[in-house]
Amino acid sequence: MTTSTGPVIDTTTVTSLLAALSLFVIAYALGNVVLPKQSSKRTRVLFVWHLFDSLIHFTFEGSFLYNCFFTYIDLPGPPSYLSPSHAILTPPGVYFLGQSNRLYGSAFGNNPTAKLWQEYTKADKRWGGADLTVISLELLTVLIGGPLAAYICYLLSKGHGDTTSTSSKMKSLMTGKLSFWLIVLATGELYGGFMTFAPEWLSGSTGLDTSNWMYLWLYLVFFNVLWVFLPLYALVMAYRSLTGASPLRDVEKKKM
């Protein structure tokens, strides 16, 4: 889709980017506090990523759902009355929550989180309204993905990522539990990302602004690719652990 020719950088833009960066800083700082001092680099990467992931799900995406369910405008007429900028992205006769006289979503709010999502809608307009596919995926992401990412951080903080000092039986239990949940979450993240963007790719990216370098490469590519490469990294680490090929076990063999 071709819309704007240059990014619009204002206070909301800067505030939104700083908010995302602050969550990463919080995740990194907490990793230095709660992880055992002897934790490996692999464990630290997994911890910071999953805590950042959890915080994003709870705060950013949680606020998206809040605006979808509680931020709305009442229509002055039937849906055909709306201007193109308020177009409904659902089939005719299908309405979010069955409310044919309302439009839901952050595009119609004035609170800080609504402003944040209005910024992202410059790149992907679906996030400004109540797109049924996006909401369905975000319900799973916020209610299941967020808590699961936090639980993985808990396991890592208890030493499940580094088990060189435990017995063989306990080591197997610890690495097995962590690896299982890493696989579950990473698979969910990858599937959710595919289902978010596949409808756009198949329809010619009608809801995306791919002509604007900042919206394309920063908002759409960079922020979403994080949820591709890092889940893949978690899958690789889980696989290596379950198959006995993890770097930690290689180290142990050299010491024997």
Protein backbone atom coordinates (compact mmCIF):
# COMPACT_ATOMS: atom_id res chain seq x y z
CA MET A 1 0.00 0.00 0.00
CA THR A 2 1.32 3.48 -0.87
CA THR A 3 0.34 6.38 1.34
CA SER A 4 2.81 8.86 2.80
CA THR A 5 6.23 9.85 1.47
CA GLY A 6 7.97 10.77 4.70
CA PRO A 7 7.65 9.89 8.39
CA VAL A 8 5.80 12.16 10.78
CA ILE A 9 8.00 12.45 13.88
CA ASP A 10 6.34 14.21 16.80
CA THR A 11 6.15 13.94 20.58
CA THR A 12 4.03 10.80 20.39
CA THR A 13 6.58 9.16 18.09
CA VAL A 14 9.49 9.86 20.42
CA THR A 15 7.53 8.91 23.55
CA SER A 16 6.40 5.61 22.03
CA LEU A 17 9.91 4.61 20.99
CA LEU A 18 11.32 5.58 24.38
CA ALA A 19 8.61 3.53 26.09
CA ALA A 20 9.65 0.44 24.12
CA LEU A 21 13.31 1.08 24.86
CA SER A 22 12.59 1.55 28.58
CA LEU A 23 11.08 -1.95 28.77
CA PHE A 24 14.28 -3.41 27.34
CA VAL A 25 16.35 -1.47 29.87
CA ILE A 26 14.14 -2.76 32.70
CA ALA A 27 14.50 -6.34 31.45
CA TYR A 28 18.28 -6.03 31.19
CA ALA A 29 18.60 -4.45 34.63
CA LEU A 30 16.42 -7.08 36.31
CA GLY A 31 18.48 -9.79 34.65
CA ASN A 32 21.55 -8.46 36.44
CA VAL A 33 19.66 -8.52 39.73
CA VAL A 34 17.76 -11.82 39.80
CA LEU A 35 19.94 -14.20 37.77
CA PRO A 36 22.64 -16.19 39.56
CA LYS A 37 26.04 -14.56 39.11
CA GLN A 38 27.40 -17.67 37.37
CA SER A 39 24.65 -17.65 34.74
CA SER A 40 25.86 -18.18 31.19
CA LYS A 41 25.52 -15.66 28.38
CA ARG A 42 22.89 -17.92 26.82
CA THR A 43 20.79 -17.81 29.98
CA ARG A 44 21.09 -14.04 30.21
CA VAL A 45 20.01 -13.57 26.59
CA LEU A 46 17.00 -15.85 27.11
CA PHE A 47 16.05 -14.07 30.34
CA VAL A 48 16.27 -10.53 28.95
CA TRP A 49 14.36 -11.52 25.81
CA HIS A 50 11.54 -13.30 27.64
CA LEU A 51 11.16 -10.56 30.25
CA PHE A 52 11.07 -7.92 27.51
CA ASP A 53 8.58 -10.13 25.64
CA SER A 54 6.39 -10.45 28.72
CA LEU A 55 6.46 -6.72 29.46
CA ILE A 56 5.52 -5.90 25.86
CA HIS A 57 2.62 -8.36 25.98
CA PHE A 58 1.29 -7.09 29.31
CA THR A 59 1.72 -3.36 28.76
CA PHE A 60 1.68 -2.51 25.07
CA GLU A 61 -0.52 -5.30 23.76
CA GLY A 62 -2.61 -5.36 26.89
CA SER A 63 -3.40 -1.70 26.29
CA PHE A 64 -4.30 -2.55 22.69
CA LEU A 65 -6.95 -4.99 23.94
CA TYR A 66 -8.19 -2.48 26.49
CA ASN A 67 -8.78 0.09 23.75
CA CYS A 68 -10.44 -2.49 21.52
CA PHE A 69 -12.98 -3.38 24.20
CA PHE A 70 -13.49 -0.07 26.00
CA THR A 71 -12.64 2.75 23.58
CA TYR A 72 -15.28 3.47 20.99
CA ILE A 73 -17.41 6.05 19.26
CA ASP A 74 -21.15 5.87 18.68
CA LEU A 75 -22.09 6.10 15.04
CA PRO A 76 -24.35 8.94 13.92
CA GLY A 77 -25.76 6.65 11.27
CA PRO A 78 -25.36 3.25 9.64
CA PRO A 79 -21.83 2.05 8.74
CA SER A 80 -22.20 3.41 5.20
CA TYR A 81 -22.25 6.89 6.76
CA LEU A 82 -18.58 6.61 7.74
CA SER A 83 -15.79 8.35 5.92
CA PRO A 84 -13.07 6.21 4.27
CA SER A 85 -10.71 6.93 7.19
CA HIS A 86 -13.14 5.12 9.49
CA ALA A 87 -13.67 2.18 7.18
CA ILE A 88 -14.66 -1.08 8.87
CA LEU A 89 -12.21 -3.88 8.08
CA THR A 90 -14.73 -6.70 8.57
CA PRO A 91 -17.24 -8.25 6.15
CA PRO A 92 -20.60 -6.48 5.74
CA GLY A 93 -22.98 -7.32 8.56
CA VAL A 94 -20.19 -8.41 10.94
CA TYR A 95 -19.63 -6.14 13.95
CA PHE A 96 -17.25 -6.33 16.88
CA LEU A 97 -19.13 -7.48 20.00
CA GLY A 98 -22.26 -7.42 17.87
CA GLN A 99 -22.48 -3.64 18.18
CA SER A 100 -23.54 -2.29 14.78
CA ASN A 101 -23.83 1.25 16.12
CA ARG A 102 -20.25 1.57 17.43
CA LEU A 103 -16.66 1.59 16.25
CA TYR A 104 -14.08 0.25 18.69
CA GLY A 105 -10.34 0.76 18.85
CA SER A 106 -7.47 3.07 19.75
CA ALA A 107 -8.15 5.30 16.73
CA PHE A 108 -11.10 6.73 18.64
CA GLY A 109 -9.39 7.37 21.98
CA ASN A 110 -7.40 10.17 23.58
CA ASN A 111 -5.65 8.31 26.41
CA PRO A 112 -1.84 7.80 26.27
CA THR A 113 -2.05 4.16 25.18
CA ALA A 114 -4.51 5.05 22.43
CA LYS A 115 -2.04 7.66 21.22
CA LEU A 116 0.71 5.01 21.24
CA TRP A 117 -1.30 2.70 19.01
CA GLN A 118 -2.34 5.57 16.79
CA GLU A 119 1.38 5.99 16.16
CA TYR A 120 1.76 2.35 15.10
CA THR A 121 -1.30 2.58 12.86
CA LYS A 122 0.70 4.91 10.67
CA ALA A 123 2.42 1.69 9.55
CA ASP A 124 -0.44 -0.81 9.98
CA LYS A 125 -3.95 0.64 10.13
CA ARG A 126 -5.49 -2.60 11.47
CA TRP A 127 -4.22 -1.75 14.94
CA GLY A 128 -6.31 1.38 15.10
CA GLY A 129 -9.62 -0.47 14.99
CA ALA A 130 -11.13 -3.77 16.06
CA ASP A 131 -9.70 -6.16 13.48
CA LEU A 132 -11.11 -9.54 14.47
CA THR A 133 -8.06 -11.60 13.51
CA VAL A 134 -5.64 -9.29 15.33
CA ILE A 135 -7.79 -9.19 18.47
CA SER A 136 -8.14 -12.97 18.52
CA LEU A 137 -4.37 -13.40 18.31
CA GLU A 138 -3.72 -10.72 20.91
CA LEU A 139 -6.08 -12.37 23.40
CA LEU A 140 -3.88 -15.48 23.27
CA THR A 141 -0.71 -13.40 23.33
CA VAL A 142 -1.64 -11.30 26.36
CA LEU A 143 -3.46 -13.93 28.41
CA ILE A 144 -1.17 -16.88 27.66
CA GLY A 145 2.03 -15.65 26.02
CA GLY A 146 2.72 -12.93 28.59
CA PRO A 147 2.36 -15.15 31.69
CA LEU A 148 4.30 -17.97 30.03
CA ALA A 149 7.21 -15.65 29.17
CA ALA A 150 7.24 -14.48 32.80
CA TYR A 151 7.24 -18.10 33.99
CA ILE A 152 10.24 -18.86 31.78
CA CYS A 153 12.05 -15.94 33.41
CA TYR A 154 11.21 -17.44 36.79
CA LEU A 155 12.69 -20.79 35.75
CA LEU A 156 15.84 -19.11 34.48
CA SER A 157 16.21 -17.13 37.71
CA LYS A 158 16.08 -20.43 39.63
CA GLY A 159 18.98 -21.89 37.69
CA HIS A 160 17.13 -24.00 35.14
CA GLY A 161 19.30 -22.61 32.35
CA ASP A 162 22.60 -23.53 34.02
CA THR A 163 22.67 -26.93 35.68
CA THR A 164 26.35 -27.83 35.83
CA SER A 165 26.34 -28.15 39.62
CA THR A 166 23.29 -30.43 39.96
CA SER A 167 22.88 -34.18 39.82
CA SER A 168 22.20 -35.85 36.47
CA LYS A 169 18.58 -36.61 37.40
CA MET A 170 17.83 -33.08 38.58
CA LYS A 171 19.66 -31.65 35.59
CA SER A 172 17.42 -33.63 33.23
CA LEU A 173 14.28 -32.43 35.01
CA MET A 174 15.36 -28.80 35.03
CA THR A 175 16.52 -28.60 31.42
CA GLY A 176 13.49 -30.59 30.25
CA LYS A 177 10.95 -28.30 31.93
CA LEU A 178 12.63 -25.14 30.66
CA SER A 179 13.07 -26.50 27.14
CA PHE A 180 9.44 -27.60 26.90
CA TRP A 181 8.06 -24.17 27.75
CA LEU A 182 10.63 -22.44 25.53
CA ILE A 183 9.37 -24.53 22.62
CA VAL A 184 5.69 -23.90 23.42
CA LEU A 185 6.10 -20.13 23.64
CA ALA A 186 8.45 -19.75 20.68
CA THR A 187 6.14 -21.81 18.47
CA GLY A 188 3.19 -19.66 19.53
CA GLU A 189 5.10 -16.44 18.85
CA LEU A 190 6.10 -17.56 15.36
CA TYR A 191 2.61 -18.77 14.50
CA GLY A 192 1.06 -15.56 15.81
CA GLY A 193 3.41 -13.44 13.73
CA PHE A 194 2.63 -15.42 10.60
CA MET A 195 -1.12 -15.18 11.12
CA THR A 196 -0.80 -11.43 11.74
CA PHE A 197 0.94 -10.67 8.47
CA ALA A 198 -0.04 -13.50 6.12
CA PRO A 199 -3.51 -11.99 5.43
CA GLU A 200 -1.81 -8.73 4.46
CA TRP A 201 0.72 -10.41 2.18
CA LEU A 202 -2.04 -12.36 0.46
CA SER A 203 -4.11 -9.21 -0.10
CA GLY A 204 -1.31 -6.97 -1.36
CA SER A 205 -0.58 -5.34 2.02
CA THR A 206 -3.65 -3.13 1.79
CA GLY A 207 -3.45 -2.16 5.47
CA LEU A 208 0.29 -1.43 5.53
CA ASP A 209 2.27 1.66 4.62
CA THR A 210 5.23 0.12 2.80
CA SER A 211 6.21 3.32 0.97
CA ASN A 212 7.51 5.09 4.08
CA TRP A 213 11.03 4.04 5.07
CA MET A 214 10.56 4.53 8.83
CA TYR A 215 7.18 2.84 9.05
CA LEU A 216 8.38 -0.04 6.88
CA TRP A 217 11.86 -0.72 8.27
CA LEU A 218 11.46 0.38 11.89
CA TYR A 219 7.82 -0.28 12.77
CA LEU A 220 6.98 -3.21 10.48
CA VAL A 221 10.31 -4.96 9.88
CA PHE A 222 12.55 -4.31 12.90
CA PHE A 223 9.98 -4.56 15.69
CA ASN A 224 8.33 -7.64 14.19
CA VAL A 225 11.52 -9.43 13.13
CA LEU A 226 12.52 -9.47 16.80
CA TRP A 227 9.64 -11.90 17.31
CA VAL A 228 11.04 -14.13 14.56
CA PHE A 229 14.77 -14.40 15.24
CA LEU A 230 14.68 -14.52 19.03
CA PRO A 231 11.97 -17.22 19.21
CA LEU A 232 14.03 -19.16 16.64
CA TYR A 233 17.07 -18.71 18.91
CA ALA A 234 15.05 -20.06 21.85
CA LEU A 235 13.97 -23.06 19.76
CA VAL A 236 17.58 -23.82 18.81
CA MET A 237 18.72 -23.58 22.43
CA ALA A 238 15.87 -25.83 23.57
CA TYR A 239 16.65 -28.38 20.87
CA ARG A 240 20.35 -28.44 21.76
CA SER A 241 19.49 -28.91 25.41
CA LEU A 242 17.03 -31.75 24.80
CA THR A 243 19.38 -33.57 22.42
CA GLY A 244 22.39 -33.26 24.74
CA ALA A 245 24.27 -30.91 22.42
CA SER A 246 24.02 -27.74 24.53
CA PRO A 247 27.19 -25.70 25.16
CA LEU A 248 26.84 -26.36 28.90
CA ARG A 249 27.07 -30.10 28.47
CA ASP A 250 30.00 -29.74 26.09
CA VAL A 251 31.80 -27.81 28.82
CA GLU A 252 31.08 -30.54 31.35
CA LYS A 253 32.51 -33.23 29.08
CA LYS A 254 35.77 -31.31 28.73
CA LYS A 255 36.08 -31.10 32.52
CA MET A 256 35.64 -34.85 33.02
